[in-house]
Amino acid sequence: MKLTCNYAVAHFLPYAVTEEFVNIGVILHCRETGYLDFRLAHRWGRVMRFFPELDGTLYREALRLFRTDLQSAVQNPGASRQLLMPGQ
């Protein structure tokens, strides 16, 4: 059986003005089965190479909040619709 899945790359963008970001994970969703899962990277060193002036607390807190929201969506399939881009 072949299924169509959508994925999104999770970005960490600490400075919206510069629009510079680093990829920190991926989110996978299959509408046909309701499957939703994600993987987030924990490589603080990699992020620091991109943004050496950044306070590590900001990244750790952003990652914690993002993970909490995604875990909530995975555990409550109705909430997964909140993660989809408009029009999908």
Protein backbone atom coordinates (compact mmCIF):
# COMPACT_ATOMS: atom_id res chain seq x y z
CA MET A 1 0.00 0.00 0.00
CA LYS A 2 1.34 3.43 -0.93
CA LEU A 3 0.50 6.42 1.22
CA THR A 4 1.13 10.09 0.71
CA CYS A 5 2.86 11.81 3.60
CA ASN A 6 3.64 15.47 4.14
CA TYR A 7 6.68 16.67 5.98
CA ALA A 8 7.95 19.98 7.28
CA VAL A 9 11.43 20.94 8.35
CA ALA A 10 11.51 22.66 11.73
CA HIS A 11 13.64 25.80 11.78
CA PHE A 12 15.12 27.75 14.68
CA LEU A 13 15.15 31.41 13.69
CA PRO A 14 16.35 33.48 16.66
CA TYR A 15 16.58 36.79 14.78
CA ALA A 16 13.62 37.40 12.48
CA VAL A 17 15.23 40.54 11.05
CA THR A 18 18.14 38.66 9.47
CA GLU A 19 15.99 35.65 8.49
CA GLU A 20 18.92 33.33 9.26
CA PHE A 21 17.91 29.94 10.60
CA VAL A 22 19.17 26.48 11.37
CA ASN A 23 17.24 23.24 10.73
CA ILE A 24 16.44 21.55 14.03
CA GLY A 25 14.08 18.75 13.09
CA VAL A 26 11.40 17.27 10.89
CA ILE A 27 7.65 16.70 11.27
CA LEU A 28 5.87 13.92 9.32
CA HIS A 29 2.11 13.66 8.80
CA CYS A 30 -0.02 11.17 6.87
CA ARG A 31 -3.56 12.45 6.46
CA GLU A 32 -4.89 9.04 5.34
CA THR A 33 -3.84 7.24 8.51
CA GLY A 34 -3.70 10.17 10.93
CA TYR A 35 -0.02 9.44 11.62
CA LEU A 36 1.92 12.36 13.05
CA ASP A 37 5.42 12.22 14.49
CA PHE A 38 8.51 14.36 14.74
CA ARG A 39 12.22 14.29 15.50
CA LEU A 40 14.12 17.25 16.92
CA ALA A 41 17.88 17.63 17.05
CA HIS A 42 19.59 18.30 20.37
CA ARG A 43 22.89 19.48 18.92
CA TRP A 44 23.47 22.70 20.80
CA GLY A 45 27.04 22.95 19.45
CA ARG A 46 25.76 23.09 15.87
CA VAL A 47 23.36 25.89 16.71
CA MET A 48 26.15 27.81 18.47
CA ARG A 49 28.29 27.65 15.34
CA PHE A 50 25.49 29.42 13.47
CA PHE A 51 24.71 31.91 16.26
CA PRO A 52 27.76 32.20 18.55
CA GLU A 53 26.39 35.27 20.37
CA LEU A 54 23.13 33.53 21.30
CA ASP A 55 22.27 32.79 24.91
CA GLY A 56 21.88 29.00 25.17
CA THR A 57 18.87 29.39 27.44
CA LEU A 58 16.84 30.83 24.58
CA TYR A 59 17.47 27.82 22.34
CA ARG A 60 16.85 25.26 25.07
CA GLU A 61 13.58 26.93 26.05
CA ALA A 62 12.42 27.23 22.43
CA LEU A 63 13.20 23.54 21.85
CA ARG A 64 11.36 22.56 25.05
CA LEU A 65 8.24 24.55 24.08
CA PHE A 66 8.27 23.24 20.52
CA ARG A 67 8.63 19.65 21.72
CA THR A 68 5.78 20.13 24.22
CA ASP A 69 3.45 21.47 21.50
CA LEU A 70 4.35 18.68 19.08
CA GLN A 71 3.93 15.96 21.72
CA SER A 72 0.50 17.38 22.53
CA ALA A 73 -0.47 17.21 18.85
CA VAL A 74 0.77 13.62 18.54
CA GLN A 75 -1.18 12.54 21.64
CA ASN A 76 -4.32 14.41 20.57
CA PRO A 77 -4.91 13.79 16.84
CA GLY A 78 -7.48 16.59 16.65
CA ALA A 79 -4.77 19.07 17.61
CA SER A 80 -2.54 17.94 14.72
CA ARG A 81 -4.54 20.16 12.35
CA GLN A 82 -3.00 23.16 14.10
CA LEU A 83 0.42 22.21 12.77
CA LEU A 84 -0.59 22.16 9.11
CA MET A 85 0.02 25.16 6.90
CA PRO A 86 -3.15 26.96 5.74
CA GLY A 87 -4.62 25.35 2.66
CA GLN A 88 -3.30 21.83 3.37
